[in-house]
Structures are given as C-alpha cells and as structure tokens.
Amino acid sequence: MKVAVIPARGGSKRIPRKNIKDFCGRPMIAWSIIAAQKSGLFDHIIVSTEDAEIAQVAREWRAETPFTRPTDLADDHTGTTPVVAHAVEWMQEQGWPVEAVCCLYPASPFIHAEDIRAGLDLLQSGDWAYAFTVTDFPAPIFRSFRQLPEGGVEMFFPEHALTRSQDLPEALHDAAQFYWGTPEAWRSGKPMFAPHTIPLRIPRWRVQDIDNEDDWVRATHLFRLLELHKG
C-alpha cells in the first residue's frame, strides 16, 4: 500500500489561508491532490490538518481527512517529519500494510504526476530511506557573499575567489515539492538530507517557493504561461 500525506495547517502568516486560497481557478491544495490522483499510485490521499475549513476543501477534492492533526503539531515551529510520522503511526494503528509514504506539500502547483512516479522508482531502486525533488542553483553558491554591518562585502567561501566556475563543486537544493519515504524512516525521524536519501532532479524553471505575495504573483504568471504553452 502506498499513501500520500499532504500536511496543510491553517496558520499561514505571510499569505493568509494560503493552502485554500484560489490559485488559477482552484484552491491551492487542490493542485497537489490532483497530481497525487493523476499519478495512479496511491491507495489513500490524506490531508493532515487541524483546520476544519481546509479539511472540508480537501474532501471536496476527494482527499481523505480521517483524523484531526494535534494542535502541538500545527504551530510555526513543527517540522514536516513529525507531522508525517504522526500520520504513519495512525495508519499502522489501523492495520494498513503501508510500504511507502509520499509527503506532498500543499502549495506546490508545479508538481507533475510523472515526477511522483519517478520518485517512487528511485526510492525502490536500492536501500533508500527517502527520495525527494531537487534542482540546481542559478549561480555558483561558492561565489556567494554577504554584506557586512559596516557596508562592505565578505565571501562565504574565500578559498574559491579565483576558482573557475566550471571547477566549482556542484550544489543542489531542495525543490520543496514531495518526499517519498519508508514508514520506518518517517517514524524514526531519520534526517532527510543524508547519504540514505536519493535525489530526483527536476528543471529549475519548475521550482517555485510560495512564501510571500511576490512569490504568489510570480507563480501565478508562470503557471498561466505554462498552461498557455500546453494549449
């Protein structure tokens, strides 16, 4: 059995009600639910939330809300892993024979069903605890710097000040779309960014964090452009 878990709390501060706000004609969370459905992989698609309105919207899009997330797992400081671990514990209490769990973020309208399937293939390709989406940085991070309080700048990696770009180590970052994992990995709280995790690379242009209003506007324009191109 394979189960999708979409963690969607109601307390978004920078974009109020972000997870159910209309995004290009549908509630934001609907796009993740639809991608999970289109993948054809899941026996259950569960939304973990403490918020009654989010739960109602999730059910309208044919996701399940079989439990209410505890409030101590719905604050600003709770990470993803404890939330998914709580869901996995609930599944196992029901006697579900779960073999893999995929956490999909609710504000990820650029998730592709084929990527979800590719992620599962990677997870099952070896003795992996997790598989998740990544992409590359638009510029070499080893040439990055910060501004000092006095006004000047300072490199984070001064040893690479004269290194040619093509000789710099490759760097990747989390694409924040979905995370496949074994039930044991989720419940034990294994760290995600470790040698037991295998990355699925996706194009940089399909990666968009939506954390503030500027992000929202940018994502809306990109989404509409991609839909126009598909048409």
Protein backbone atom coordinates (compact mmCIF):
# COMPACT_ATOMS: atom_id res chain seq x y z
CA MET A 1 0.00 0.00 0.00
CA LYS A 2 1.16 3.48 -0.86
CA VAL A 3 -0.22 6.57 0.85
CA ALA A 4 0.12 10.28 0.13
CA VAL A 5 0.16 12.69 3.06
CA ILE A 6 -0.41 16.40 2.44
CA PRO A 7 0.42 18.48 5.55
CA ALA A 8 -1.75 21.61 5.46
CA ARG A 9 -2.08 23.67 8.59
CA GLY A 10 -4.31 26.72 8.80
CA GLY A 11 -1.96 29.25 10.34
CA SER A 12 -0.14 30.71 7.34
CA LYS A 13 1.01 34.21 8.33
CA ARG A 14 2.56 35.80 5.23
CA ILE A 15 -0.20 34.60 2.86
CA PRO A 16 -3.38 34.19 4.94
CA ARG A 17 -5.27 30.95 4.20
CA LYS A 18 -2.62 30.12 1.60
CA ASN A 19 -3.43 26.43 1.37
CA ILE A 20 -7.02 27.03 0.25
CA LYS A 21 -6.65 30.42 -1.44
CA ASP A 22 -7.70 30.40 -5.09
CA PHE A 23 -4.74 29.76 -7.37
CA CYS A 24 -5.55 29.89 -11.08
CA GLY A 25 -9.11 28.69 -10.60
CA ARG A 26 -8.70 26.09 -7.86
CA PRO A 27 -7.84 26.08 -4.16
CA MET A 28 -4.07 25.87 -3.87
CA ILE A 29 -4.14 22.48 -2.14
CA ALA A 30 -6.24 21.03 -4.98
CA TRP A 31 -3.25 21.06 -7.32
CA SER A 32 -1.27 18.71 -5.06
CA ILE A 33 -4.29 16.45 -4.58
CA ILE A 34 -4.86 16.28 -8.34
CA ALA A 35 -1.19 15.46 -9.03
CA ALA A 36 -1.36 12.63 -6.49
CA GLN A 37 -4.54 11.32 -8.12
CA LYS A 38 -3.07 11.52 -11.62
CA SER A 39 -0.02 9.51 -10.54
CA GLY A 40 -2.26 6.47 -10.08
CA LEU A 41 -0.07 5.23 -7.23
CA PHE A 42 -1.97 5.88 -4.05
CA ASP A 43 -4.45 3.76 -2.15
CA HIS A 44 -5.18 6.77 0.07
CA ILE A 45 -4.54 10.51 -0.23
CA ILE A 46 -4.67 12.01 3.26
CA VAL A 47 -4.62 15.66 4.25
CA SER A 48 -3.22 16.22 7.75
CA THR A 49 -4.69 19.42 9.18
CA GLU A 50 -6.04 20.94 12.37
CA ASP A 51 -8.22 23.33 10.36
CA ALA A 52 -11.87 22.44 9.68
CA GLU A 53 -12.14 24.60 6.56
CA ILE A 54 -9.03 23.10 4.99
CA ALA A 55 -10.36 19.63 5.79
CA GLN A 56 -13.66 20.46 4.09
CA VAL A 57 -11.92 21.75 0.95
CA ALA A 58 -9.69 18.66 0.87
CA ARG A 59 -12.71 16.37 0.97
CA GLU A 60 -14.37 18.34 -1.82
CA TRP A 61 -11.38 17.41 -3.98
CA ARG A 62 -11.65 13.74 -2.94
CA ALA A 63 -8.84 13.61 -0.42
CA GLU A 64 -9.36 11.97 2.97
CA THR A 65 -9.21 13.61 6.39
CA PRO A 66 -9.55 10.60 8.71
CA PHE A 67 -8.06 12.37 11.73
CA THR A 68 -7.50 15.88 13.08
CA ARG A 69 -3.88 16.87 13.47
CA PRO A 70 -2.99 17.59 17.12
CA THR A 71 -2.52 21.30 17.81
CA ASP A 72 1.01 20.70 19.13
CA LEU A 73 1.92 19.56 15.60
CA ALA A 74 0.33 22.61 13.95
CA ASP A 75 2.42 25.52 15.22
CA ASP A 76 5.01 27.63 13.39
CA HIS A 77 7.93 25.56 14.67
CA THR A 78 6.86 22.00 13.87
CA GLY A 79 8.77 20.40 11.01
CA THR A 80 7.40 18.13 8.33
CA THR A 81 8.81 14.86 9.64
CA PRO A 82 6.88 14.77 12.95
CA VAL A 83 3.65 15.54 11.08
CA VAL A 84 4.15 12.70 8.61
CA ALA A 85 5.31 10.41 11.44
CA HIS A 86 2.02 11.10 13.24
CA ALA A 87 0.10 10.14 10.09
CA VAL A 88 2.15 6.96 9.63
CA GLU A 89 1.53 5.98 13.24
CA TRP A 90 -2.22 6.43 12.66
CA MET A 91 -2.08 4.26 9.51
CA GLN A 92 -0.26 1.48 11.31
CA GLU A 93 -2.76 1.61 14.16
CA GLN A 94 -5.46 0.94 11.56
CA GLY A 95 -3.53 -2.08 10.36
CA TRP A 96 -2.73 -0.63 6.95
CA PRO A 97 0.11 -2.57 5.22
CA VAL A 98 1.94 0.59 4.20
CA GLU A 99 5.14 0.14 2.18
CA ALA A 100 5.83 3.74 1.12
CA VAL A 101 4.56 7.18 2.13
CA CYS A 102 4.83 10.31 -0.01
CA CYS A 103 4.60 13.72 1.63
CA LEU A 104 3.39 16.32 -0.88
CA TYR A 105 3.48 19.97 0.06
CA PRO A 106 0.11 21.72 -0.32
CA ALA A 107 1.43 24.88 -2.01
CA SER A 108 3.12 23.13 -4.92
CA PRO A 109 1.10 23.73 -8.09
CA PHE A 110 4.01 22.67 -10.31
CA ILE A 111 4.13 19.04 -9.10
CA HIS A 112 3.97 16.59 -12.01
CA ALA A 113 2.41 13.15 -11.65
CA GLU A 114 5.25 11.60 -13.65
CA ASP A 115 7.76 13.03 -11.17
CA ILE A 116 5.87 11.38 -8.31
CA ARG A 117 6.13 8.06 -10.14
CA ALA A 118 9.82 8.63 -10.86
CA GLY A 119 10.42 9.40 -7.19
CA LEU A 120 8.91 6.08 -6.15
CA ASP A 121 11.06 4.27 -8.71
CA LEU A 122 14.14 5.88 -7.19
CA LEU A 123 13.09 5.01 -3.64
CA GLN A 124 12.66 1.37 -4.64
CA SER A 125 15.86 1.24 -6.71
CA GLY A 126 18.01 0.46 -3.69
CA ASP A 127 18.15 0.51 0.09
CA TRP A 128 16.99 4.12 0.31
CA ALA A 129 15.15 5.74 3.22
CA TYR A 130 13.89 8.72 1.20
CA ALA A 131 13.66 10.15 -2.32
CA PHE A 132 12.85 13.80 -2.96
CA THR A 133 12.92 16.52 -5.61
CA VAL A 134 15.95 18.77 -6.02
CA THR A 135 17.25 21.31 -8.50
CA ASP A 136 20.45 23.24 -9.09
CA PHE A 137 21.23 26.80 -8.08
CA PRO A 138 21.01 29.55 -10.72
CA ALA A 139 24.51 30.75 -9.81
CA PRO A 140 27.52 29.10 -8.10
CA ILE A 141 26.93 29.21 -4.34
CA PHE A 142 30.67 29.01 -3.73
CA ARG A 143 30.93 32.54 -5.13
CA SER A 144 28.26 33.87 -2.75
CA PHE A 145 28.90 36.64 -0.25
CA ARG A 146 27.18 38.68 2.43
CA GLN A 147 27.07 42.36 3.27
CA LEU A 148 28.84 43.26 6.50
CA PRO A 149 27.34 45.63 9.10
CA GLU A 150 29.92 48.22 8.05
CA GLY A 151 28.62 48.14 4.48
CA GLY A 152 31.27 46.11 2.67
CA VAL A 153 31.04 42.52 1.49
CA GLU A 154 32.65 39.25 2.51
CA MET A 155 32.71 35.91 0.66
CA PHE A 156 31.34 32.84 2.38
CA PHE A 157 33.97 30.72 0.63
CA PRO A 158 37.02 32.96 0.05
CA GLU A 159 39.09 29.92 -0.91
CA HIS A 160 37.11 29.84 -4.17
CA ALA A 161 37.58 33.52 -5.07
CA LEU A 162 39.79 32.59 -8.03
CA THR A 163 38.35 29.17 -8.86
CA ARG A 164 36.90 28.87 -12.35
CA SER A 165 33.13 28.36 -12.41
CA GLN A 166 33.46 25.03 -14.21
CA ASP A 167 35.79 23.79 -11.46
CA LEU A 168 33.46 24.62 -8.57
CA PRO A 169 31.64 21.74 -6.80
CA GLU A 170 28.07 21.19 -7.93
CA ALA A 171 25.43 22.26 -5.41
CA LEU A 172 21.75 21.30 -5.27
CA HIS A 173 18.83 22.48 -3.15
CA ASP A 174 15.50 21.09 -2.03
CA ALA A 175 12.76 21.75 -4.59
CA ALA A 176 10.13 21.51 -1.80
CA GLN A 177 7.59 19.51 -3.80
CA PHE A 178 7.39 15.98 -2.44
CA TYR A 179 9.27 13.45 -0.33
CA TRP A 180 8.93 9.68 -0.61
CA GLY A 181 9.98 7.66 2.41
CA THR A 182 9.62 4.29 4.05
CA PRO A 183 7.28 4.13 7.05
CA GLU A 184 10.26 3.23 9.24
CA ALA A 185 12.23 6.28 8.10
CA TRP A 186 9.34 8.65 8.80
CA ARG A 187 8.51 7.18 12.21
CA SER A 188 12.11 7.06 13.41
CA GLY A 189 12.72 10.65 12.32
CA LYS A 190 15.65 9.86 10.06
CA PRO A 191 17.20 13.06 8.68
CA MET A 192 16.24 13.84 5.09
CA PHE A 193 19.50 15.34 3.82
CA ALA A 194 21.80 12.37 4.33
CA PRO A 195 23.50 9.56 2.37
CA HIS A 196 20.43 7.31 2.76
CA THR A 197 18.40 9.74 0.59
CA ILE A 198 18.40 9.78 -3.22
CA PRO A 199 17.52 12.97 -5.15
CA LEU A 200 15.22 13.33 -8.14
CA ARG A 201 16.40 16.24 -10.26
CA ILE A 202 13.80 18.48 -11.86
CA PRO A 203 14.25 21.61 -14.02
CA ARG A 204 14.88 24.84 -12.17
CA TRP A 205 12.04 26.60 -14.01
CA ARG A 206 9.53 24.22 -12.39
CA VAL A 207 10.63 25.11 -8.86
CA GLN A 208 8.90 27.98 -7.10
CA ASP A 209 8.68 28.55 -3.35
CA ILE A 210 5.47 30.38 -2.50
CA ASP A 211 6.16 32.06 0.83
CA ASN A 212 5.02 35.65 0.27
CA GLU A 213 2.84 37.74 -2.02
CA ASP A 214 5.64 38.35 -4.53
CA ASP A 215 6.17 34.59 -4.80
CA TRP A 216 2.44 34.12 -5.30
CA VAL A 217 2.29 36.62 -8.17
CA ARG A 218 5.37 35.13 -9.83
CA ALA A 219 3.99 31.60 -9.53
CA THR A 220 0.65 32.71 -10.98
CA HIS A 221 2.29 34.26 -14.04
CA LEU A 222 4.49 31.20 -14.59
CA PHE A 223 1.58 28.80 -14.19
CA ARG A 224 -0.57 30.70 -16.70
CA LEU A 225 2.31 30.88 -19.17
CA LEU A 226 2.85 27.13 -18.94
CA GLU A 227 -0.87 26.46 -19.36
CA LEU A 228 -0.92 28.71 -22.44
CA HIS A 229 2.05 26.82 -23.87
CA LYS A 230 0.30 23.47 -23.27
CA GLY A 231 -2.76 24.76 -25.11
